[in-house]
C-alpha atoms as a PDB file:
ATOM      1  CA  MET A   1      19.335 -26.146   5.581  1.00  0.00           C
ATOM      2  CA  ILE A   2      19.655 -22.577   4.290  1.00  0.00           C
ATOM      3  CA  VAL A   3      18.061 -19.873   6.415  1.00  0.00           C
ATOM      4  CA  MET A   4      17.491 -16.625   4.571  1.00  0.00           C
ATOM      5  CA  GLN A   5      17.493 -13.334   6.444  1.00  0.00           C
ATOM      6  CA  TYR A   6      15.137 -10.643   5.259  1.00  0.00           C
ATOM      7  CA  LYS A   7      15.344  -7.013   6.274  1.00  0.00           C
ATOM      8  CA  ILE A   8      12.532  -5.297   8.147  1.00  0.00           C
ATOM      9  CA  LEU A   9      12.468  -1.532   8.608  1.00  0.00           C
ATOM     10  CA  GLU A  10      10.086   0.649  10.589  1.00  0.00           C
ATOM     11  CA  ALA A  11       9.359   4.362  10.829  1.00  0.00           C
ATOM     12  CA  GLU A  12       6.784   6.631  12.425  1.00  0.00           C
ATOM     13  CA  HIS A  13       5.452   9.836  10.918  1.00  0.00           C
ATOM     14  CA  ASP A  14       2.419  12.027  11.462  1.00  0.00           C
ATOM     15  CA  GLY A  15       0.738   9.594  13.874  1.00  0.00           C
ATOM     16  CA  GLN A  16       1.167   6.581  11.606  1.00  0.00           C
ATOM     17  CA  LYS A  17       3.524   3.614  11.681  1.00  0.00           C
ATOM     18  CA  PHE A  18       5.219   2.329   8.549  1.00  0.00           C
ATOM     19  CA  ARG A  19       6.881  -1.020   8.007  1.00  0.00           C
ATOM     20  CA  ILE A  20       8.891  -2.396   5.107  1.00  0.00           C
ATOM     21  CA  GLU A  21       9.379  -6.146   4.834  1.00  0.00           C
ATOM     22  CA  GLU A  22      11.765  -7.604   2.307  1.00  0.00           C
ATOM     23  CA  ASP A  23      10.512 -10.724   0.511  1.00  0.00           C
ATOM     24  CA  TYR A  24      12.156 -13.181  -1.848  1.00  0.00           C
ATOM     25  CA  PRO A  25      14.395 -11.390  -4.380  1.00  0.00           C
ATOM     26  CA  ASN A  26      12.057 -12.175  -7.271  1.00  0.00           C
ATOM     27  CA  VAL A  27       9.100 -10.718  -5.301  1.00  0.00           C
ATOM     28  CA  GLY A  28      10.492  -7.447  -3.919  1.00  0.00           C
ATOM     29  CA  ALA A  29       9.430  -5.686  -0.722  1.00  0.00           C
ATOM     30  CA  TYR A  30       6.184  -4.630   0.912  1.00  0.00           C
ATOM     31  CA  LEU A  31       5.420  -1.259   2.471  1.00  0.00           C
ATOM     32  CA  TYR A  32       2.697  -1.422   5.115  1.00  0.00           C
ATOM     33  CA  VAL A  33       0.951   1.646   6.517  1.00  0.00           C
ATOM     34  CA  TYR A  34      -0.622   1.348   9.983  1.00  0.00           C
ATOM     35  CA  LYS A  35      -3.070   3.633  11.713  1.00  0.00           C
ATOM     36  CA  ASN A  36      -4.247   2.735  15.233  1.00  0.00           C
ATOM     37  CA  GLU A  37      -2.418  -0.614  14.925  1.00  0.00           C
ATOM     38  CA  ASN A  38      -4.461  -1.550  11.828  1.00  0.00           C
ATOM     39  CA  CYS A  39      -2.937  -1.932   8.382  1.00  0.00           C
ATOM     40  CA  VAL A  40      -4.735   0.598   6.197  1.00  0.00           C
ATOM     41  CA  GLN A  41      -2.613   0.361   3.049  1.00  0.00           C
ATOM     42  CA  ASP A  42       0.084  -1.815   1.521  1.00  0.00           C
ATOM     43  CA  PHE A  43       2.317  -1.437  -1.494  1.00  0.00           C
ATOM     44  CA  LEU A  44       4.413  -4.048  -3.300  1.00  0.00           C
ATOM     45  CA  GLN A  45       7.583  -2.598  -4.818  1.00  0.00           C
ATOM     46  CA  ASN A  46      10.724  -4.014  -6.426  1.00  0.00           C
ATOM     47  CA  SER A  47      13.017  -3.080  -3.526  1.00  0.00           C
ATOM     48  CA  ILE A  48      13.325  -1.577  -0.069  1.00  0.00           C
ATOM     49  CA  SER A  49      14.573   1.676  -1.564  1.00  0.00           C
ATOM     50  CA  ALA A  50      11.500   1.869  -3.810  1.00  0.00           C
ATOM     51  CA  CYS A  51       9.268   1.366  -0.738  1.00  0.00           C
ATOM     52  CA  ARG A  52      11.088   4.166   1.052  1.00  0.00           C
ATOM     53  CA  GLU A  53      10.519   6.454  -1.946  1.00  0.00           C
ATOM     54  CA  VAL A  54       6.789   5.638  -2.001  1.00  0.00           C
ATOM     55  CA  ALA A  55       6.551   6.403   1.732  1.00  0.00           C
ATOM     56  CA  LEU A  56       8.327   9.720   1.141  1.00  0.00           C
ATOM     57  CA  GLU A  57       6.186  10.734  -1.843  1.00  0.00           C
ATOM     58  CA  GLU A  58       2.815   9.515  -0.527  1.00  0.00           C
ATOM     59  CA  TYR A  59       3.154  10.196   3.216  1.00  0.00           C
ATOM     60  CA  GLY A  60       6.170  12.480   3.723  1.00  0.00           C
ATOM     61  CA  VAL A  61       8.232   9.896   5.654  1.00  0.00           C
ATOM     62  CA  ALA A  62      11.809  11.206   5.576  1.00  0.00           C
ATOM     63  CA  LEU A  63      14.401   8.737   4.315  1.00  0.00           C
ATOM     64  CA  ASP A  64      16.439   9.087   7.526  1.00  0.00           C
ATOM     65  CA  LYS A  65      13.491   8.018   9.745  1.00  0.00           C
ATOM     66  CA  TRP A  66      13.773   4.345   8.809  1.00  0.00           C
ATOM     67  CA  GLN A  67      15.382   1.967  11.294  1.00  0.00           C
ATOM     68  CA  GLU A  68      16.161  -1.661  10.702  1.00  0.00           C
ATOM     69  CA  ILE A  69      14.663  -3.935  13.329  1.00  0.00           C
ATOM     70  CA  GLU A  70      15.613  -7.436  14.336  1.00  0.00           C
ATOM     71  CA  ASN A  71      14.033 -10.064  12.141  1.00  0.00           C
ATOM     72  CA  LYS A  72      12.764 -12.869  14.378  1.00  0.00           C
ATOM     73  CA  LYS A  73      11.651 -15.193  11.560  1.00  0.00           C
END
């Protein structure tokens, strides 16, 4: 059985939490925006780097704020 590992990154900025979850290669990655523990926005992009760029452009999340977290899937 093949177990695939997907990256998950998180960042905090301006009172909001941000999470990027990698999906299957042909799907891309999701950027989730949380406020008060509720997801208020999500974006599907082609890659993790594209999600990071959207977070920078839309919310001002600096590229160096992202930290990879352990994927428990």
